Amino acid sequence: MEARGATKNSLTLFTHKEKEPLFFAAIGNAPYGKDHGHEGFVIVTAASNKGMVDIHDRRPLVLSADAVREWLSAETTSERAQEIAHEAALPEKDFTWHPVTAKVGNIHNQGEALIKEIKPD
């Protein structure tokens, strides 16, 4: 997960403290290979708090691994999806973050050096 950092010359890399995969809550119109006239999906966000607000005022909603299967189920109602978003979202304390070069935002730049911590301007 990445978000704009405090300066325009850096981004912020977020990772799970336990190096677990991150599952972002998103909504879209499946099946994604079909033409619906409104292709794609959106990442669900929540307000930032507890330290993340210094980086950005919104944060992607990251779900626990246990909640992902139900979130993705076609049987999950919009009411249940709202409950999952409130109950299964990981708190800020589960993440660690640091500034990285803005070069990470360009697909032509590759390599492990892009995610190393930098000193912001």
PDB file of N, CA and C in Angstrom:
ATOM      1  N   MET A   1       0.867  -1.150   0.000  1.00  0.00           N
ATOM      2  CA  MET A   1       0.000   0.000   0.000  1.00  0.00           C
ATOM      3  C   MET A   1       0.914   1.211   0.000  1.00  0.00           C
ATOM      4  N   GLU A   2       0.551   2.214  -0.738  1.00  0.00           N
ATOM      5  CA  GLU A   2       1.343   3.432  -0.730  1.00  0.00           C
ATOM      6  C   GLU A   2       0.428   4.634  -0.723  1.00  0.00           C
ATOM      7  N   ALA A   3       0.914   5.701  -0.159  1.00  0.00           N
ATOM      8  CA  ALA A   3       0.159   6.959  -0.138  1.00  0.00           C
ATOM      9  C   ALA A   3       1.154   8.090  -0.256  1.00  0.00           C
ATOM     10  N   ARG A   4       0.693   9.212  -0.757  1.00  0.00           N
ATOM     11  CA  ARG A   4       1.565  10.382  -0.852  1.00  0.00           C
ATOM     12  C   ARG A   4       2.069  10.766   0.516  1.00  0.00           C
ATOM     13  N   GLY A   5       3.340  11.057   0.588  1.00  0.00           N
ATOM     14  CA  GLY A   5       3.947  11.435   1.850  1.00  0.00           C
ATOM     15  C   GLY A   5       3.848  12.923   2.095  1.00  0.00           C
ATOM     16  N   ALA A   6       4.611  13.377   3.059  1.00  0.00           N
ATOM     17  CA  ALA A   6       4.575  14.772   3.472  1.00  0.00           C
ATOM     18  C   ALA A   6       5.188  15.701   2.435  1.00  0.00           C
ATOM     19  N   THR A   7       6.006  15.151   1.528  1.00  0.00           N
ATOM     20  CA  THR A   7       6.609  15.994   0.505  1.00  0.00           C
ATOM     21  C   THR A   7       6.229  15.472  -0.868  1.00  0.00           C
ATOM     22  N   LYS A   8       6.323  16.342  -1.865  1.00  0.00           N
ATOM     23  CA  LYS A   8       5.968  15.917  -3.218  1.00  0.00           C
ATOM     24  C   LYS A   8       7.051  15.060  -3.845  1.00  0.00           C
ATOM     25  N   ASN A   9       8.221  14.954  -3.210  1.00  0.00           N
ATOM     26  CA  ASN A   9       9.316  14.171  -3.763  1.00  0.00           C
ATOM     27  C   ASN A   9       9.425  12.782  -3.153  1.00  0.00           C
ATOM     28  N   SER A  10       8.463  12.394  -2.332  1.00  0.00           N
ATOM     29  CA  SER A  10       8.514  11.058  -1.746  1.00  0.00           C
ATOM     30  C   SER A  10       7.114  10.478  -1.618  1.00  0.00           C
ATOM     31  N   LEU A  11       7.066   9.183  -1.499  1.00  0.00           N
ATOM     32  CA  LEU A  11       5.844   8.439  -1.219  1.00  0.00           C
ATOM     33  C   LEU A  11       6.076   7.702   0.094  1.00  0.00           C
ATOM     34  N   THR A  12       5.042   7.080   0.606  1.00  0.00           N
ATOM     35  CA  THR A  12       5.166   6.320   1.837  1.00  0.00           C
ATOM     36  C   THR A  12       4.808   4.877   1.565  1.00  0.00           C
ATOM     37  N   LEU A  13       5.673   3.969   1.972  1.00  0.00           N
ATOM     38  CA  LEU A  13       5.440   2.543   1.826  1.00  0.00           C
ATOM     39  C   LEU A  13       4.851   2.012   3.124  1.00  0.00           C
ATOM     40  N   PHE A  14       3.705   1.346   3.020  1.00  0.00           N
ATOM     41  CA  PHE A  14       3.061   0.724   4.170  1.00  0.00           C
ATOM     42  C   PHE A  14       3.200  -0.782   4.052  1.00  0.00           C
ATOM     43  N   THR A  15       3.512  -1.450   5.144  1.00  0.00           N
ATOM     44  CA  THR A  15       3.559  -2.909   5.173  1.00  0.00           C
ATOM     45  C   THR A  15       2.910  -3.390   6.462  1.00  0.00           C
ATOM     46  N   HIS A  16       2.487  -4.629   6.450  1.00  0.00           N
ATOM     47  CA  HIS A  16       1.960  -5.250   7.656  1.00  0.00           C
ATOM     48  C   HIS A  16       3.149  -5.528   8.579  1.00  0.00           C
ATOM     49  N   LYS A  17       3.010  -5.250   9.870  1.00  0.00           N
ATOM     50  CA  LYS A  17       4.123  -5.456  10.807  1.00  0.00           C
ATOM     51  C   LYS A  17       4.616  -6.891  10.820  1.00  0.00           C
ATOM     52  N   GLU A  18       3.708  -7.833  10.582  1.00  0.00           N
ATOM     53  CA  GLU A  18       4.070  -9.253  10.590  1.00  0.00           C
ATOM     54  C   GLU A  18       4.347  -9.785   9.181  1.00  0.00           C
ATOM     55  N   LYS A  19       4.486  -8.876   8.219  1.00  0.00           N
ATOM     56  CA  LYS A  19       4.758  -9.213   6.813  1.00  0.00           C
ATOM     57  C   LYS A  19       3.651 -10.064   6.198  1.00  0.00           C
ATOM     58  N   GLU A  20       2.432  -9.929   6.708  1.00  0.00           N
ATOM     59  CA  GLU A  20       1.270 -10.615   6.144  1.00  0.00           C
ATOM     60  C   GLU A  20       0.843  -9.902   4.864  1.00  0.00           C
ATOM     61  N   PRO A  21       0.172 -10.624   3.946  1.00  0.00           N
ATOM     62  CA  PRO A  21      -0.340  -9.943   2.745  1.00  0.00           C
ATOM     63  C   PRO A  21      -1.427  -8.944   3.121  1.00  0.00           C
ATOM     64  N   LEU A  22      -1.587  -7.917   2.296  1.00  0.00           N
ATOM     65  CA  LEU A  22      -2.609  -6.905   2.523  1.00  0.00           C
ATOM     66  C   LEU A  22      -3.766  -7.143   1.551  1.00  0.00           C
ATOM     67  N   PHE A  23      -4.987  -7.208   2.096  1.00  0.00           N
ATOM     68  CA  PHE A  23      -6.191  -7.406   1.302  1.00  0.00           C
ATOM     69  C   PHE A  23      -7.006  -6.126   1.353  1.00  0.00           C
ATOM     70  N   PHE A  24      -7.052  -5.404   0.239  1.00  0.00           N
ATOM     71  CA  PHE A  24      -7.752  -4.134   0.173  1.00  0.00           C
ATOM     72  C   PHE A  24      -9.224  -4.359  -0.175  1.00  0.00           C
ATOM     73  N   ALA A  25     -10.103  -3.735   0.579  1.00  0.00           N
ATOM     74  CA  ALA A  25     -11.525  -3.804   0.264  1.00  0.00           C
ATOM     75  C   ALA A  25     -11.763  -2.973  -0.994  1.00  0.00           C
ATOM     76  N   ALA A  26     -12.463  -3.551  -1.949  1.00  0.00           N
ATOM     77  CA  ALA A  26     -12.766  -2.861  -3.197  1.00  0.00           C
ATOM     78  C   ALA A  26     -14.165  -3.267  -3.652  1.00  0.00           C
ATOM     79  N   ILE A  27     -14.749  -2.423  -4.480  1.00  0.00           N
ATOM     80  CA  ILE A  27     -16.034  -2.760  -5.085  1.00  0.00           C
ATOM     81  C   ILE A  27     -15.930  -2.558  -6.578  1.00  0.00           C
ATOM     82  N   GLY A  28     -16.623  -3.407  -7.309  1.00  0.00           N
ATOM     83  CA  GLY A  28     -16.604  -3.334  -8.761  1.00  0.00           C
ATOM     84  C   GLY A  28     -17.766  -4.130  -9.313  1.00  0.00           C
ATOM     85  N   ASN A  29     -17.759  -4.358 -10.606  1.00  0.00           N
ATOM     86  CA  ASN A  29     -18.850  -5.058 -11.252  1.00  0.00           C
ATOM     87  C   ASN A  29     -18.299  -6.291 -11.948  1.00  0.00           C
ATOM     88  N   ALA A  30     -18.448  -7.459 -11.334  1.00  0.00           N
ATOM     89  CA  ALA A  30     -17.961  -8.720 -11.896  1.00  0.00           C
ATOM     90  C   ALA A  30     -18.982  -9.252 -12.900  1.00  0.00           C
ATOM     91  N   PRO A  31     -18.609 -10.040 -13.879  1.00  0.00           N
ATOM     92  CA  PRO A  31     -17.238 -10.448 -14.172  1.00  0.00           C
ATOM     93  C   PRO A  31     -16.469  -9.311 -14.854  1.00  0.00           C
ATOM     94  N   TYR A  32     -15.213  -9.183 -14.490  1.00  0.00           N
ATOM     95  CA  TYR A  32     -14.427  -8.031 -14.920  1.00  0.00           C
ATOM     96  C   TYR A  32     -14.017  -8.086 -16.384  1.00  0.00           C
ATOM     97  N   GLY A  33     -14.117  -9.242 -17.033  1.00  0.00           N
ATOM     98  CA  GLY A  33     -13.770  -9.359 -18.446  1.00  0.00           C
ATOM     99  C   GLY A  33     -14.912  -8.981 -19.376  1.00  0.00           C
ATOM    100  N   LYS A  34     -16.068  -8.624 -18.817  1.00  0.00           N
ATOM    101  CA  LYS A  34     -17.243  -8.283 -19.626  1.00  0.00           C
ATOM    102  C   LYS A  34     -17.411  -6.769 -19.691  1.00  0.00           C
ATOM    103  N   ASP A  35     -18.025  -6.283 -20.778  1.00  0.00           N
ATOM    104  CA  ASP A  35     -18.265  -4.853 -20.945  1.00  0.00           C
ATOM    105  C   ASP A  35     -19.576  -4.476 -20.266  1.00  0.00           C
ATOM    106  N   HIS A  36     -19.492  -3.691 -19.193  1.00  0.00           N
ATOM    107  CA  HIS A  36     -20.669  -3.242 -18.460  1.00  0.00           C
ATOM    108  C   HIS A  36     -20.934  -1.755 -18.692  1.00  0.00           C
ATOM    109  N   GLY A  37     -20.036  -1.073 -19.388  1.00  0.00           N
ATOM    110  CA  GLY A  37     -20.180   0.355 -19.588  1.00  0.00           C
ATOM    111  C   GLY A  37     -19.580   1.166 -18.455  1.00  0.00           C
ATOM    112  N   HIS A  38     -19.130   0.514 -17.410  1.00  0.00           N
ATOM    113  CA  HIS A  38     -18.460   1.177 -16.291  1.00  0.00           C
ATOM    114  C   HIS A  38     -17.467   0.179 -15.696  1.00  0.00           C
ATOM    115  N   GLU A  39     -16.375  -0.027 -16.433  1.00  0.00           N
ATOM    116  CA  GLU A  39     -15.374  -1.026 -16.068  1.00  0.00           C
ATOM    117  C   GLU A  39     -14.533  -0.589 -14.872  1.00  0.00           C
ATOM    118  N   GLY A  40     -13.933  -1.536 -14.238  1.00  0.00           N
ATOM    119  CA  GLY A  40     -12.981  -1.269 -13.179  1.00  0.00           C
ATOM    120  C   GLY A  40     -13.553  -1.468 -11.796  1.00  0.00           C
ATOM    121  N   PHE A  41     -12.851  -0.923 -10.838  1.00  0.00           N
ATOM    122  CA  PHE A  41     -13.230  -1.057  -9.442  1.00  0.00           C
ATOM    123  C   PHE A  41     -12.703   0.140  -8.678  1.00  0.00           C
ATOM    124  N   VAL A  42     -13.158   0.302  -7.467  1.00  0.00           N
ATOM    125  CA  VAL A  42     -12.657   1.361  -6.587  1.00  0.00           C
ATOM    126  C   VAL A  42     -12.219   0.737  -5.265  1.00  0.00           C
ATOM    127  N   ILE A  43     -11.169   1.287  -4.696  1.00  0.00           N
ATOM    128  CA  ILE A  43     -10.692   0.865  -3.382  1.00  0.00           C
ATOM    129  C   ILE A  43     -11.510   1.611  -2.342  1.00  0.00           C
ATOM    130  N   VAL A  44     -12.027   0.897  -1.363  1.00  0.00           N
ATOM    131  CA  VAL A  44     -12.793   1.501  -0.283  1.00  0.00           C
ATOM    132  C   VAL A  44     -11.815   2.130   0.699  1.00  0.00           C
ATOM    133  N   THR A  45     -12.087   3.367   1.106  1.00  0.00           N
ATOM    134  CA  THR A  45     -11.203   4.058   2.041  1.00  0.00           C
ATOM    135  C   THR A  45     -11.941   4.407   3.329  1.00  0.00           C
ATOM    136  N   ALA A  46     -11.151   4.730   4.324  1.00  0.00           N
ATOM    137  CA  ALA A  46     -11.665   5.170   5.618  1.00  0.00           C
ATOM    138  C   ALA A  46     -10.843   6.377   6.047  1.00  0.00           C
ATOM    139  N   ALA A  47     -11.308   7.068   7.053  1.00  0.00           N
ATOM    140  CA  ALA A  47     -10.556   8.210   7.575  1.00  0.00           C
ATOM    141  C   ALA A  47      -9.258   7.716   8.216  1.00  0.00           C
ATOM    142  N   SER A  48      -8.200   8.478   8.035  1.00  0.00           N
ATOM    143  CA  SER A  48      -6.934   8.165   8.695  1.00  0.00           C
ATOM    144  C   SER A  48      -6.973   8.670  10.124  1.00  0.00           C
ATOM    145  N   ASN A  49      -6.286   7.969  10.981  1.00  0.00           N
ATOM    146  CA  ASN A  49      -6.099   8.430  12.354  1.00  0.00           C
ATOM    147  C   ASN A  49      -4.891   7.742  12.952  1.00  0.00           C
ATOM    148  N   LYS A  50      -4.572   8.059  14.177  1.00  0.00           N
ATOM    149  CA  LYS A  50      -3.482   7.422  14.928  1.00  0.00           C
ATOM    150  C   LYS A  50      -2.158   7.420  14.175  1.00  0.00           C
ATOM    151  N   GLY A  51      -1.727   8.552  13.718  1.00  0.00           N
ATOM    152  CA  GLY A  51      -0.422   8.662  13.083  1.00  0.00           C
ATOM    153  C   GLY A  51      -0.466   8.704  11.576  1.00  0.00           C
ATOM    154  N   MET A  52      -1.415   8.035  10.976  1.00  0.00           N
ATOM    155  CA  MET A  52      -1.499   8.040   9.512  1.00  0.00           C
ATOM    156  C   MET A  52      -2.035   9.354   8.978  1.00  0.00           C
ATOM    157  N   VAL A  53      -2.744  10.097   9.788  1.00  0.00           N
ATOM    158  CA  VAL A  53      -3.317  11.360   9.330  1.00  0.00           C
ATOM    159  C   VAL A  53      -2.217  12.349   8.918  1.00  0.00           C
ATOM    160  N   ASP A  54      -1.015  12.190   9.471  1.00  0.00           N
ATOM    161  CA  ASP A  54       0.109  13.047   9.087  1.00  0.00           C
ATOM    162  C   ASP A  54       0.562  12.769   7.654  1.00  0.00           C
ATOM    163  N   ILE A  55       0.210  11.604   7.131  1.00  0.00           N
ATOM    164  CA  ILE A  55       0.621  11.208   5.790  1.00  0.00           C
ATOM    165  C   ILE A  55      -0.467  11.518   4.771  1.00  0.00           C
ATOM    166  N   HIS A  56      -1.710  11.173   5.108  1.00  0.00           N
ATOM    167  CA  HIS A  56      -2.840  11.397   4.210  1.00  0.00           C
ATOM    168  C   HIS A  56      -4.109  11.347   5.035  1.00  0.00           C
ATOM    169  N   ASP A  57      -5.153  12.067   4.609  1.00  0.00           N
ATOM    170  CA  ASP A  57      -6.389  12.096   5.388  1.00  0.00           C
ATOM    171  C   ASP A  57      -7.282  10.880   5.151  1.00  0.00           C
ATOM    172  N   ARG A  58      -6.977  10.078   4.122  1.00  0.00           N
ATOM    173  CA  ARG A  58      -7.724   8.848   3.856  1.00  0.00           C
ATOM    174  C   ARG A  58      -6.752   7.683   3.808  1.00  0.00           C
ATOM    175  N   ARG A  59      -7.258   6.500   4.086  1.00  0.00           N
ATOM    176  CA  ARG A  59      -6.433   5.300   3.989  1.00  0.00           C
ATOM    177  C   ARG A  59      -7.264   4.179   3.388  1.00  0.00           C
ATOM    178  N   PRO A  60      -6.647   3.316   2.573  1.00  0.00           N
ATOM    179  CA  PRO A  60      -7.388   2.179   2.049  1.00  0.00           C
ATOM    180  C   PRO A  60      -7.833   1.276   3.189  1.00  0.00           C
ATOM    181  N   LEU A  61      -9.000   0.708   3.062  1.00  0.00           N
ATOM    182  CA  LEU A  61      -9.514  -0.218   4.055  1.00  0.00           C
ATOM    183  C   LEU A  61      -8.873  -1.576   3.801  1.00  0.00           C
ATOM    184  N   VAL A  62      -8.086  -2.058   4.760  1.00  0.00           N
ATOM    185  CA  VAL A  62      -7.400  -3.334   4.641  1.00  0.00           C
ATOM    186  C   VAL A  62      -8.147  -4.335   5.517  1.00  0.00           C
ATOM    187  N   LEU A  63      -8.582  -5.429   4.904  1.00  0.00           N
ATOM    188  CA  LEU A  63      -9.365  -6.427   5.620  1.00  0.00           C
ATOM    189  C   LEU A  63      -8.490  -7.538   6.170  1.00  0.00           C
ATOM    190  N   SER A  64      -8.948  -8.151   7.258  1.00  0.00           N
ATOM    191  CA  SER A  64      -8.265  -9.329   7.787  1.00  0.00           C
ATOM    192  C   SER A  64      -8.428 -10.467   6.781  1.00  0.00           C
ATOM    193  N   ALA A  65      -7.483 -11.391   6.782  1.00  0.00           N
ATOM    194  CA  ALA A  65      -7.538 -12.518   5.848  1.00  0.00           C
ATOM    195  C   ALA A  65      -8.821 -13.323   6.042  1.00  0.00           C
ATOM    196  N   ASP A  66      -9.294 -13.437   7.258  1.00  0.00           N
ATOM    197  CA  ASP A  66     -10.519 -14.194   7.533  1.00  0.00           C
ATOM    198  C   ASP A  66     -11.748 -13.575   6.890  1.00  0.00           C
ATOM    199  N   ALA A  67     -11.769 -12.275   6.674  1.00  0.00           N
ATOM    200  CA  ALA A  67     -12.947 -11.581   6.146  1.00  0.00           C
ATOM    201  C   ALA A  67     -12.994 -11.529   4.624  1.00  0.00           C
ATOM    202  N   VAL A  68     -11.885 -11.815   3.961  1.00  0.00           N
ATOM    203  CA  VAL A  68     -11.803 -11.633   2.515  1.00  0.00           C
ATOM    204  C   VAL A  68     -12.792 -12.509   1.759  1.00  0.00           C
ATOM    205  N   ARG A  69     -12.872 -13.774   2.108  1.00  0.00           N
ATOM    206  CA  ARG A  69     -13.759 -14.687   1.374  1.00  0.00           C
ATOM    207  C   ARG A  69     -15.210 -14.209   1.440  1.00  0.00           C
ATOM    208  N   GLU A  70     -15.666 -13.787   2.622  1.00  0.00           N
ATOM    209  CA  GLU A  70     -17.039 -13.298   2.736  1.00  0.00           C
ATOM    210  C   GLU A  70     -17.213 -11.994   1.961  1.00  0.00           C
ATOM    211  N   TRP A  71     -16.219 -11.092   2.015  1.00  0.00           N
ATOM    212  CA  TRP A  71     -16.287  -9.825   1.276  1.00  0.00           C
ATOM    213  C   TRP A  71     -16.478 -10.090  -0.221  1.00  0.00           C
ATOM    214  N   LEU A  72     -15.783 -11.101  -0.742  1.00  0.00           N
ATOM    215  CA  LEU A  72     -15.818 -11.398  -2.166  1.00  0.00           C
ATOM    216  C   LEU A  72     -17.037 -12.210  -2.599  1.00  0.00           C
ATOM    217  N   SER A  73     -17.772 -12.773  -1.660  1.00  0.00           N
ATOM    218  CA  SER A  73     -18.910 -13.619  -1.988  1.00  0.00           C
ATOM    219  C   SER A  73     -20.034 -12.815  -2.649  1.00  0.00           C
ATOM    220  N   ALA A  74     -20.602 -13.381  -3.697  1.00  0.00           N
ATOM    221  CA  ALA A  74     -21.736 -12.746  -4.375  1.00  0.00           C
ATOM    222  C   ALA A  74     -22.963 -12.698  -3.472  1.00  0.00           C
ATOM    223  N   GLU A  75     -23.005 -13.534  -2.440  1.00  0.00           N
ATOM    224  CA  GLU A  75     -24.132 -13.559  -1.513  1.00  0.00           C
ATOM    225  C   GLU A  75     -24.047 -12.479  -0.430  1.00  0.00           C
ATOM    226  N   THR A  76     -22.914 -11.815  -0.319  1.00  0.00           N
ATOM    227  CA  THR A  76     -22.754 -10.793   0.717  1.00  0.00           C
ATOM    228  C   THR A  76     -23.579  -9.560   0.351  1.00  0.00           C
ATOM    229  N   THR A  77     -24.482  -9.196   1.241  1.00  0.00           N
ATOM    230  CA  THR A  77     -25.338  -8.024   1.005  1.00  0.00           C
ATOM    231  C   THR A  77     -24.551  -6.747   1.262  1.00  0.00           C
ATOM    232  N   SER A  78     -25.065  -5.629   0.791  1.00  0.00           N
ATOM    233  CA  SER A  78     -24.392  -4.354   1.044  1.00  0.00           C
ATOM    234  C   SER A  78     -24.390  -4.045   2.537  1.00  0.00           C
ATOM    235  N   GLU A  79     -25.441  -4.444   3.251  1.00  0.00           N
ATOM    236  CA  GLU A  79     -25.476  -4.224   4.705  1.00  0.00           C
ATOM    237  C   GLU A  79     -24.380  -5.022   5.392  1.00  0.00           C
ATOM    238  N   ARG A  80     -24.206  -6.289   4.960  1.00  0.00           N
ATOM    239  CA  ARG A  80     -23.150  -7.127   5.558  1.00  0.00           C
ATOM    240  C   ARG A  80     -21.775  -6.590   5.182  1.00  0.00           C
ATOM    241  N   ALA A  81     -21.616  -6.081   3.968  1.00  0.00           N
ATOM    242  CA  ALA A  81     -20.329  -5.503   3.557  1.00  0.00           C
ATOM    243  C   ALA A  81     -19.966  -4.327   4.454  1.00  0.00           C
ATOM    244  N   GLN A  82     -20.950  -3.510   4.825  1.00  0.00           N
ATOM    245  CA  GLN A  82     -20.696  -2.393   5.738  1.00  0.00           C
ATOM    246  C   GLN A  82     -20.249  -2.913   7.105  1.00  0.00           C
ATOM    247  N   GLU A  83     -20.870  -3.990   7.572  1.00  0.00           N
ATOM    248  CA  GLU A  83     -20.469  -4.580   8.853  1.00  0.00           C
ATOM    249  C   GLU A  83     -19.037  -5.102   8.784  1.00  0.00           C
ATOM    250  N   ILE A  84     -18.717  -5.787   7.684  1.00  0.00           N
ATOM    251  CA  ILE A  84     -17.355  -6.306   7.515  1.00  0.00           C
ATOM    252  C   ILE A  84     -16.358  -5.154   7.520  1.00  0.00           C
ATOM    253  N   ALA A  85     -16.685  -4.066   6.819  1.00  0.00           N
ATOM    254  CA  ALA A  85     -15.793  -2.910   6.762  1.00  0.00           C
ATOM    255  C   ALA A  85     -15.519  -2.355   8.153  1.00  0.00           C
ATOM    256  N   HIS A  86     -16.520  -2.365   9.017  1.00  0.00           N
ATOM    257  CA  HIS A  86     -16.344  -1.845  10.378  1.00  0.00           C
ATOM    258  C   HIS A  86     -15.692  -2.848  11.306  1.00  0.00           C
ATOM    259  N   GLU A  87     -16.002  -4.123  11.141  1.00  0.00           N
ATOM    260  CA  GLU A  87     -15.537  -5.153  12.074  1.00  0.00           C
ATOM    261  C   GLU A  87     -14.186  -5.759  11.701  1.00  0.00           C
ATOM    262  N   ALA A  88     -13.899  -5.872  10.422  1.00  0.00           N
ATOM    263  CA  ALA A  88     -12.736  -6.638   9.976  1.00  0.00           C
ATOM    264  C   ALA A  88     -11.591  -5.796   9.433  1.00  0.00           C
ATOM    265  N   ALA A  89     -11.720  -4.487   9.484  1.00  0.00           N
ATOM    266  CA  ALA A  89     -10.633  -3.625   9.013  1.00  0.00           C
ATOM    267  C   ALA A  89      -9.486  -3.656  10.017  1.00  0.00           C
ATOM    268  N   LEU A  90      -8.283  -3.767   9.502  1.00  0.00           N
ATOM    269  CA  LEU A  90      -7.110  -3.787  10.376  1.00  0.00           C
ATOM    270  C   LEU A  90      -6.825  -2.390  10.911  1.00  0.00           C
ATOM    271  N   PRO A  91      -6.474  -2.288  12.187  1.00  0.00           N
ATOM    272  CA  PRO A  91      -6.173  -0.981  12.770  1.00  0.00           C
ATOM    273  C   PRO A  91      -4.766  -0.508  12.382  1.00  0.00           C
ATOM    274  N   GLU A  92      -4.529   0.775  12.540  1.00  0.00           N
ATOM    275  CA  GLU A  92      -3.236   1.366  12.185  1.00  0.00           C
ATOM    276  C   GLU A  92      -2.065   0.699  12.899  1.00  0.00           C
ATOM    277  N   LYS A  93      -2.288   0.204  14.106  1.00  0.00           N
ATOM    278  CA  LYS A  93      -1.196  -0.406  14.880  1.00  0.00           C
ATOM    279  C   LYS A  93      -0.639  -1.668  14.214  1.00  0.00           C
ATOM    280  N   ASP A  94      -1.368  -2.232  13.250  1.00  0.00           N
ATOM    281  CA  ASP A  94      -0.914  -3.432  12.547  1.00  0.00           C
ATOM    282  C   ASP A  94       0.055  -3.128  11.414  1.00  0.00           C
ATOM    283  N   PHE A  95       0.322  -1.841  11.155  1.00  0.00           N
ATOM    284  CA  PHE A  95       1.162  -1.456  10.025  1.00  0.00           C
ATOM    285  C   PHE A  95       2.434  -0.745  10.485  1.00  0.00           C
ATOM    286  N   THR A  96       3.387  -0.770   9.609  1.00  0.00           N
ATOM    287  CA  THR A  96       4.577   0.055   9.742  1.00  0.00           C
ATOM    288  C   THR A  96       4.731   0.790   8.416  1.00  0.00           C
ATOM    289  N   TRP A  97       5.370   1.958   8.444  1.00  0.00           N
ATOM    290  CA  TRP A  97       5.521   2.730   7.208  1.00  0.00           C
ATOM    291  C   TRP A  97       6.764   3.585   7.266  1.00  0.00           C
ATOM    292  N   HIS A  98       7.257   3.923   6.072  1.00  0.00           N
ATOM    293  CA  HIS A  98       8.412   4.810   5.948  1.00  0.00           C
ATOM    294  C   HIS A  98       8.405   5.468   4.570  1.00  0.00           C
ATOM    295  N   PRO A  99       9.061   6.639   4.454  1.00  0.00           N
ATOM    296  CA  PRO A  99       9.112   7.325   3.157  1.00  0.00           C
ATOM    297  C   PRO A  99      10.030   6.596   2.172  1.00  0.00           C
ATOM    298  N   VAL A 100       9.599   6.586   0.911  1.00  0.00           N
ATOM    299  CA  VAL A 100      10.394   6.010  -0.177  1.00  0.00           C
ATOM    300  C   VAL A 100      10.430   7.030  -1.314  1.00  0.00           C
ATOM    301  N   THR A 101      11.311   6.812  -2.233  1.00  0.00           N
ATOM    302  CA  THR A 101      11.458   7.722  -3.365  1.00  0.00           C
ATOM    303  C   THR A 101      10.189   7.777  -4.219  1.00  0.00           C
ATOM    304  N   ALA A 102       9.906   8.928  -4.776  1.00  0.00           N
ATOM    305  CA  ALA A 102       8.763   9.085  -5.676  1.00  0.00           C
ATOM    306  C   ALA A 102       8.965   8.306  -6.975  1.00  0.00           C
ATOM    307  N   LYS A 103      10.182   7.837  -7.211  1.00  0.00           N
ATOM    308  CA  LYS A 103      10.456   7.023  -8.406  1.00  0.00           C
ATOM    309  C   LYS A 103       9.633   5.734  -8.397  1.00  0.00           C
ATOM    310  N   VAL A 104       9.162   5.314  -7.234  1.00  0.00           N
ATOM    311  CA  VAL A 104       8.362   4.095  -7.132  1.00  0.00           C
ATOM    312  C   VAL A 104       7.043   4.240  -7.902  1.00  0.00           C
ATOM    313  N   GLY A 105       6.618   5.454  -8.166  1.00  0.00           N
ATOM    314  CA  GLY A 105       5.368   5.699  -8.872  1.00  0.00           C
ATOM    315  C   GLY A 105       5.472   5.617 -10.384  1.00  0.00           C
ATOM    316  N   ASN A 106       6.623   5.260 -10.928  1.00  0.00           N
ATOM    317  CA  ASN A 106       6.829   5.172 -12.373  1.00  0.00           C
ATOM    318  C   ASN A 106       7.135   3.721 -12.735  1.00  0.00           C
ATOM    319  N   ILE A 107       6.321   3.118 -13.615  1.00  0.00           N
ATOM    320  CA  ILE A 107       6.496   1.704 -13.952  1.00  0.00           C
ATOM    321  C   ILE A 107       7.832   1.405 -14.633  1.00  0.00           C
ATOM    322  N   HIS A 108       8.504   2.409 -15.140  1.00  0.00           N
ATOM    323  CA  HIS A 108       9.797   2.198 -15.790  1.00  0.00           C
ATOM    324  C   HIS A 108      10.911   1.998 -14.770  1.00  0.00           C
ATOM    325  N   ASN A 109      10.672   2.391 -13.525  1.00  0.00           N
ATOM    326  CA  ASN A 109      11.655   2.193 -12.467  1.00  0.00           C
ATOM    327  C   ASN A 109      11.378   0.864 -11.781  1.00  0.00           C
ATOM    328  N   GLN A 110      12.411   0.069 -11.621  1.00  0.00           N
ATOM    329  CA  GLN A 110      12.280  -1.255 -11.027  1.00  0.00           C
ATOM    330  C   GLN A 110      13.408  -1.478 -10.022  1.00  0.00           C
ATOM    331  N   GLY A 111      13.206  -2.380  -9.106  1.00  0.00           N
ATOM    332  CA  GLY A 111      14.271  -2.782  -8.210  1.00  0.00           C
ATOM    333  C   GLY A 111      13.951  -2.569  -6.741  1.00  0.00           C
ATOM    334  N   GLU A 112      14.633  -3.322  -5.935  1.00  0.00           N
ATOM    335  CA  GLU A 112      14.438  -3.303  -4.491  1.00  0.00           C
ATOM    336  C   GLU A 112      14.809  -1.960  -3.863  1.00  0.00           C
ATOM    337  N   ALA A 113      15.695  -1.227  -4.494  1.00  0.00           N
ATOM    338  CA  ALA A 113      16.125   0.070  -3.955  1.00  0.00           C
ATOM    339  C   ALA A 113      14.957   1.044  -3.839  1.00  0.00           C
ATOM    340  N   LEU A 114      13.912   0.851  -4.641  1.00  0.00           N
ATOM    341  CA  LEU A 114      12.773   1.772  -4.629  1.00  0.00           C
ATOM    342  C   LEU A 114      12.003   1.763  -3.314  1.00  0.00           C
ATOM    343  N   ILE A 115      12.064   0.659  -2.571  1.00  0.00           N
ATOM    344  CA  ILE A 115      11.283   0.576  -1.333  1.00  0.00           C
ATOM    345  C   ILE A 115      12.137   0.801  -0.085  1.00  0.00           C
ATOM    346  N   LYS A 116      13.393   1.146  -0.272  1.00  0.00           N
ATOM    347  CA  LYS A 116      14.240   1.463   0.885  1.00  0.00           C
ATOM    348  C   LYS A 116      13.845   2.807   1.470  1.00  0.00           C
ATOM    349  N   GLU A 117      13.947   2.916   2.789  1.00  0.00           N
ATOM    350  CA  GLU A 117      13.593   4.169   3.465  1.00  0.00           C
ATOM    351  C   GLU A 117      14.526   5.280   3.034  1.00  0.00           C
ATOM    352  N   ILE A 118      13.951   6.456   2.793  1.00  0.00           N
ATOM    353  CA  ILE A 118      14.735   7.633   2.454  1.00  0.00           C
ATOM    354  C   ILE A 118      14.465   8.710   3.501  1.00  0.00           C
ATOM    355  N   LYS A 119      15.324   9.695   3.516  1.00  0.00           N
ATOM    356  CA  LYS A 119      15.106  10.891   4.323  1.00  0.00           C
ATOM    357  C   LYS A 119      14.308  11.864   3.478  1.00  0.00           C
ATOM    358  N   PRO A 120      13.091  12.237   3.898  1.00  0.00           N
ATOM    359  CA  PRO A 120      12.300  13.175   3.080  1.00  0.00           C
ATOM    360  C   PRO A 120      12.976  14.534   2.996  1.00  0.00           C
ATOM    361  N   ASP A 121      12.655  15.257   1.919  1.00  0.00           N
ATOM    362  CA  ASP A 121      13.233  16.600   1.711  1.00  0.00           C
ATOM    363  C   ASP A 121      12.907  17.517   2.854  1.00  0.00           C
TER     364      ASP A 121
END
